[in-house]
Amino acid sequence: MVLINDYRLIYLSTLLTNQDSRLALAIFYNRMFPYQENLKLIPFYKEILNSFLLCNIICFSSYDTANQFMKTMKENYNLVY
């Protein structure tokens, strides 16, 4: 199991999954997740979201951050929670 504990290493999940798909990945995101409008200003925002979805466990430092992440996922992937 690999724990990614730094937002600057978000793409590590993509790289590790490409190397070994059996590897369990967890990410702890301790920053405020950006709002959808701000996130779309980043040209590669879909890759960022996909990196989160490759992880087996996603942890957040607060309920507000987790809720903002879920709203973003709902808007981008039509997820129901």
N, C-alpha and C. Protein backbone atom coordinates (compact mmCIF):
# COMPACT_ATOMS: atom_id res chain seq x y z
N MET A 1 0.85 -1.18 0.00
CA MET A 1 0.00 0.00 0.00
C MET A 1 0.89 1.23 0.00
N VAL A 2 0.49 2.21 -0.79
CA VAL A 2 1.20 3.47 -0.88
C VAL A 2 0.26 4.58 -0.42
N LEU A 3 0.73 5.42 0.50
CA LEU A 3 -0.03 6.57 0.97
C LEU A 3 0.57 7.82 0.35
N ILE A 4 -0.24 8.53 -0.40
CA ILE A 4 0.17 9.81 -1.00
C ILE A 4 -0.34 10.90 -0.08
N ASN A 5 0.57 11.66 0.50
CA ASN A 5 0.20 12.61 1.54
C ASN A 5 0.56 14.05 1.15
N ASP A 6 0.72 14.31 -0.12
CA ASP A 6 1.10 15.64 -0.55
C ASP A 6 0.38 15.95 -1.86
N TYR A 7 -0.28 17.08 -1.93
CA TYR A 7 -1.06 17.41 -3.12
C TYR A 7 -0.18 17.55 -4.36
N ARG A 8 1.10 17.82 -4.17
CA ARG A 8 2.00 17.95 -5.32
C ARG A 8 2.33 16.60 -5.95
N LEU A 9 1.95 15.51 -5.29
CA LEU A 9 2.21 14.17 -5.81
C LEU A 9 0.95 13.50 -6.34
N ILE A 10 -0.03 14.29 -6.71
CA ILE A 10 -1.31 13.75 -7.20
C ILE A 10 -1.10 12.78 -8.36
N TYR A 11 -0.22 13.11 -9.29
CA TYR A 11 -0.02 12.27 -10.47
C TYR A 11 0.68 10.95 -10.15
N LEU A 12 1.21 10.83 -8.96
CA LEU A 12 1.88 9.59 -8.58
C LEU A 12 0.94 8.39 -8.67
N SER A 13 -0.32 8.60 -8.38
CA SER A 13 -1.28 7.50 -8.49
C SER A 13 -1.38 7.00 -9.93
N THR A 14 -1.33 7.89 -10.89
CA THR A 14 -1.37 7.49 -12.30
C THR A 14 -0.12 6.71 -12.68
N LEU A 15 1.02 7.20 -12.25
CA LEU A 15 2.28 6.52 -12.58
C LEU A 15 2.36 5.14 -11.94
N LEU A 16 1.96 5.05 -10.68
CA LEU A 16 2.04 3.77 -9.98
C LEU A 16 1.03 2.76 -10.51
N THR A 17 -0.14 3.23 -10.90
CA THR A 17 -1.15 2.33 -11.44
C THR A 17 -0.69 1.78 -12.80
N ASN A 18 0.00 2.60 -13.57
CA ASN A 18 0.53 2.13 -14.85
C ASN A 18 1.62 1.07 -14.65
N GLN A 19 2.36 1.17 -13.55
CA GLN A 19 3.43 0.21 -13.26
C GLN A 19 2.88 -1.11 -12.71
N ASP A 20 1.94 -1.01 -11.75
CA ASP A 20 1.42 -2.21 -11.10
C ASP A 20 -0.02 -1.95 -10.69
N SER A 21 -0.96 -2.53 -11.40
CA SER A 21 -2.38 -2.26 -11.13
C SER A 21 -2.87 -2.92 -9.84
N ARG A 22 -2.10 -3.83 -9.26
CA ARG A 22 -2.51 -4.49 -8.02
C ARG A 22 -2.14 -3.69 -6.79
N LEU A 23 -1.41 -2.62 -6.96
CA LEU A 23 -0.94 -1.82 -5.85
C LEU A 23 -2.09 -1.02 -5.24
N ALA A 24 -2.24 -1.12 -3.93
CA ALA A 24 -3.28 -0.36 -3.23
C ALA A 24 -2.78 1.06 -2.99
N LEU A 25 -3.60 2.03 -3.37
CA LEU A 25 -3.22 3.44 -3.23
C LEU A 25 -4.21 4.17 -2.33
N ALA A 26 -3.65 5.02 -1.49
CA ALA A 26 -4.48 5.87 -0.64
C ALA A 26 -3.94 7.29 -0.75
N ILE A 27 -4.84 8.25 -0.73
CA ILE A 27 -4.42 9.65 -0.77
C ILE A 27 -5.08 10.39 0.37
N PHE A 28 -4.29 11.22 1.05
CA PHE A 28 -4.81 12.10 2.08
C PHE A 28 -4.64 13.51 1.56
N TYR A 29 -5.76 14.18 1.33
CA TYR A 29 -5.74 15.53 0.77
C TYR A 29 -6.06 16.51 1.89
N ASN A 30 -5.06 17.28 2.31
CA ASN A 30 -5.25 18.16 3.45
C ASN A 30 -5.37 19.64 3.08
N ARG A 31 -5.72 19.91 1.85
CA ARG A 31 -6.00 21.27 1.39
C ARG A 31 -7.48 21.37 1.05
N MET A 32 -7.95 22.59 0.91
CA MET A 32 -9.34 22.78 0.48
C MET A 32 -9.44 22.40 -0.99
N PHE A 33 -10.40 21.56 -1.33
CA PHE A 33 -10.55 21.16 -2.72
C PHE A 33 -11.12 22.33 -3.51
N PRO A 34 -10.55 22.63 -4.70
CA PRO A 34 -11.00 23.81 -5.45
C PRO A 34 -12.43 23.67 -5.96
N TYR A 35 -13.08 24.78 -6.07
CA TYR A 35 -14.43 24.81 -6.63
C TYR A 35 -14.37 24.48 -8.12
N GLN A 36 -15.45 23.97 -8.63
CA GLN A 36 -15.53 23.54 -10.03
C GLN A 36 -15.12 24.64 -11.00
N GLU A 37 -15.56 25.86 -10.75
CA GLU A 37 -15.25 26.98 -11.65
C GLU A 37 -13.75 27.24 -11.68
N ASN A 38 -13.10 27.15 -10.53
CA ASN A 38 -11.65 27.37 -10.46
C ASN A 38 -10.87 26.20 -11.04
N LEU A 39 -11.37 25.02 -10.81
CA LEU A 39 -10.69 23.82 -11.29
C LEU A 39 -10.66 23.79 -12.82
N LYS A 40 -11.72 24.24 -13.45
CA LYS A 40 -11.80 24.22 -14.91
C LYS A 40 -10.84 25.21 -15.56
N LEU A 41 -10.25 26.10 -14.80
CA LEU A 41 -9.24 27.02 -15.34
C LEU A 41 -7.92 26.30 -15.61
N ILE A 42 -7.73 25.15 -14.99
CA ILE A 42 -6.51 24.37 -15.19
C ILE A 42 -6.73 23.50 -16.44
N PRO A 43 -5.86 23.60 -17.43
CA PRO A 43 -6.08 22.85 -18.67
C PRO A 43 -6.13 21.32 -18.49
N PHE A 44 -5.46 20.81 -17.48
CA PHE A 44 -5.39 19.36 -17.27
C PHE A 44 -6.19 18.92 -16.05
N TYR A 45 -7.29 19.61 -15.76
CA TYR A 45 -8.05 19.30 -14.55
C TYR A 45 -8.66 17.90 -14.58
N LYS A 46 -8.99 17.39 -15.76
CA LYS A 46 -9.54 16.03 -15.86
C LYS A 46 -8.52 14.99 -15.41
N GLU A 47 -7.26 15.21 -15.73
CA GLU A 47 -6.21 14.30 -15.29
C GLU A 47 -6.06 14.32 -13.77
N ILE A 48 -6.25 15.48 -13.18
CA ILE A 48 -6.19 15.59 -11.72
C ILE A 48 -7.32 14.77 -11.11
N LEU A 49 -8.53 14.94 -11.62
CA LEU A 49 -9.67 14.19 -11.09
C LEU A 49 -9.49 12.69 -11.30
N ASN A 50 -8.98 12.30 -12.45
CA ASN A 50 -8.75 10.88 -12.72
C ASN A 50 -7.71 10.29 -11.77
N SER A 51 -6.72 11.09 -11.39
CA SER A 51 -5.72 10.62 -10.44
C SER A 51 -6.34 10.29 -9.10
N PHE A 52 -7.30 11.08 -8.69
CA PHE A 52 -8.01 10.77 -7.44
C PHE A 52 -8.79 9.47 -7.58
N LEU A 53 -9.45 9.29 -8.71
CA LEU A 53 -10.30 8.12 -8.89
C LEU A 53 -9.51 6.82 -9.01
N LEU A 54 -8.22 6.90 -9.29
CA LEU A 54 -7.39 5.70 -9.34
C LEU A 54 -7.04 5.16 -7.96
N CYS A 55 -7.23 5.98 -6.93
CA CYS A 55 -6.89 5.57 -5.57
C CYS A 55 -8.00 4.70 -4.97
N ASN A 56 -7.59 3.75 -4.15
CA ASN A 56 -8.55 2.89 -3.46
C ASN A 56 -9.19 3.59 -2.28
N ILE A 57 -8.42 4.46 -1.62
CA ILE A 57 -8.91 5.19 -0.45
C ILE A 57 -8.59 6.67 -0.66
N ILE A 58 -9.60 7.51 -0.44
CA ILE A 58 -9.41 8.96 -0.53
C ILE A 58 -9.85 9.55 0.79
N CYS A 59 -8.93 10.24 1.46
CA CYS A 59 -9.22 10.84 2.78
C CYS A 59 -9.07 12.35 2.68
N PHE A 60 -9.89 13.05 3.44
CA PHE A 60 -9.84 14.50 3.47
C PHE A 60 -9.72 14.98 4.91
N SER A 61 -9.18 16.17 5.07
CA SER A 61 -8.95 16.70 6.41
C SER A 61 -10.21 17.27 7.04
N SER A 62 -11.23 17.54 6.24
CA SER A 62 -12.46 18.09 6.80
C SER A 62 -13.67 17.65 5.98
N TYR A 63 -14.82 17.76 6.58
CA TYR A 63 -16.06 17.41 5.90
C TYR A 63 -16.30 18.35 4.72
N ASP A 64 -16.00 19.62 4.88
CA ASP A 64 -16.21 20.60 3.80
C ASP A 64 -15.39 20.26 2.56
N THR A 65 -14.16 19.84 2.77
CA THR A 65 -13.30 19.46 1.66
C THR A 65 -13.85 18.23 0.95
N ALA A 66 -14.26 17.24 1.73
CA ALA A 66 -14.83 16.02 1.14
C ALA A 66 -16.12 16.34 0.38
N ASN A 67 -16.93 17.20 0.94
CA ASN A 67 -18.18 17.58 0.29
C ASN A 67 -17.92 18.32 -1.02
N GLN A 68 -16.93 19.21 -1.04
CA GLN A 68 -16.59 19.93 -2.26
C GLN A 68 -16.06 18.95 -3.32
N PHE A 69 -15.27 17.97 -2.90
CA PHE A 69 -14.78 16.95 -3.83
C PHE A 69 -15.95 16.17 -4.43
N MET A 70 -16.89 15.78 -3.60
CA MET A 70 -18.04 15.02 -4.09
C MET A 70 -18.89 15.84 -5.06
N LYS A 71 -19.05 17.13 -4.78
CA LYS A 71 -19.79 18.01 -5.70
C LYS A 71 -19.09 18.10 -7.04
N THR A 72 -17.77 18.21 -7.01
CA THR A 72 -17.00 18.28 -8.25
C THR A 72 -17.12 16.99 -9.04
N MET A 73 -17.04 15.85 -8.35
CA MET A 73 -17.17 14.56 -9.03
C MET A 73 -18.58 14.39 -9.62
N LYS A 74 -19.56 14.86 -8.89
CA LYS A 74 -20.94 14.77 -9.38
C LYS A 74 -21.13 15.59 -10.65
N GLU A 75 -20.54 16.78 -10.68
CA GLU A 75 -20.67 17.64 -11.86
C GLU A 75 -19.90 17.10 -13.06
N ASN A 76 -18.77 16.45 -12.82
CA ASN A 76 -17.93 15.97 -13.92
C ASN A 76 -18.26 14.57 -14.39
N TYR A 77 -18.69 13.71 -13.49
CA TYR A 77 -18.89 12.30 -13.83
C TYR A 77 -20.32 11.83 -13.57
N ASN A 78 -21.22 12.74 -13.22
CA ASN A 78 -22.62 12.41 -12.93
C ASN A 78 -22.75 11.31 -11.88
N LEU A 79 -21.90 11.40 -10.85
CA LEU A 79 -21.97 10.44 -9.75
C LEU A 79 -23.09 10.79 -8.79
N VAL A 80 -23.68 9.79 -8.23
CA VAL A 80 -24.74 9.97 -7.23
C VAL A 80 -24.18 9.54 -5.88
N TYR A 81 -24.36 10.38 -4.88
CA TYR A 81 -23.90 10.01 -3.54
C TYR A 81 -24.95 10.37 -2.53
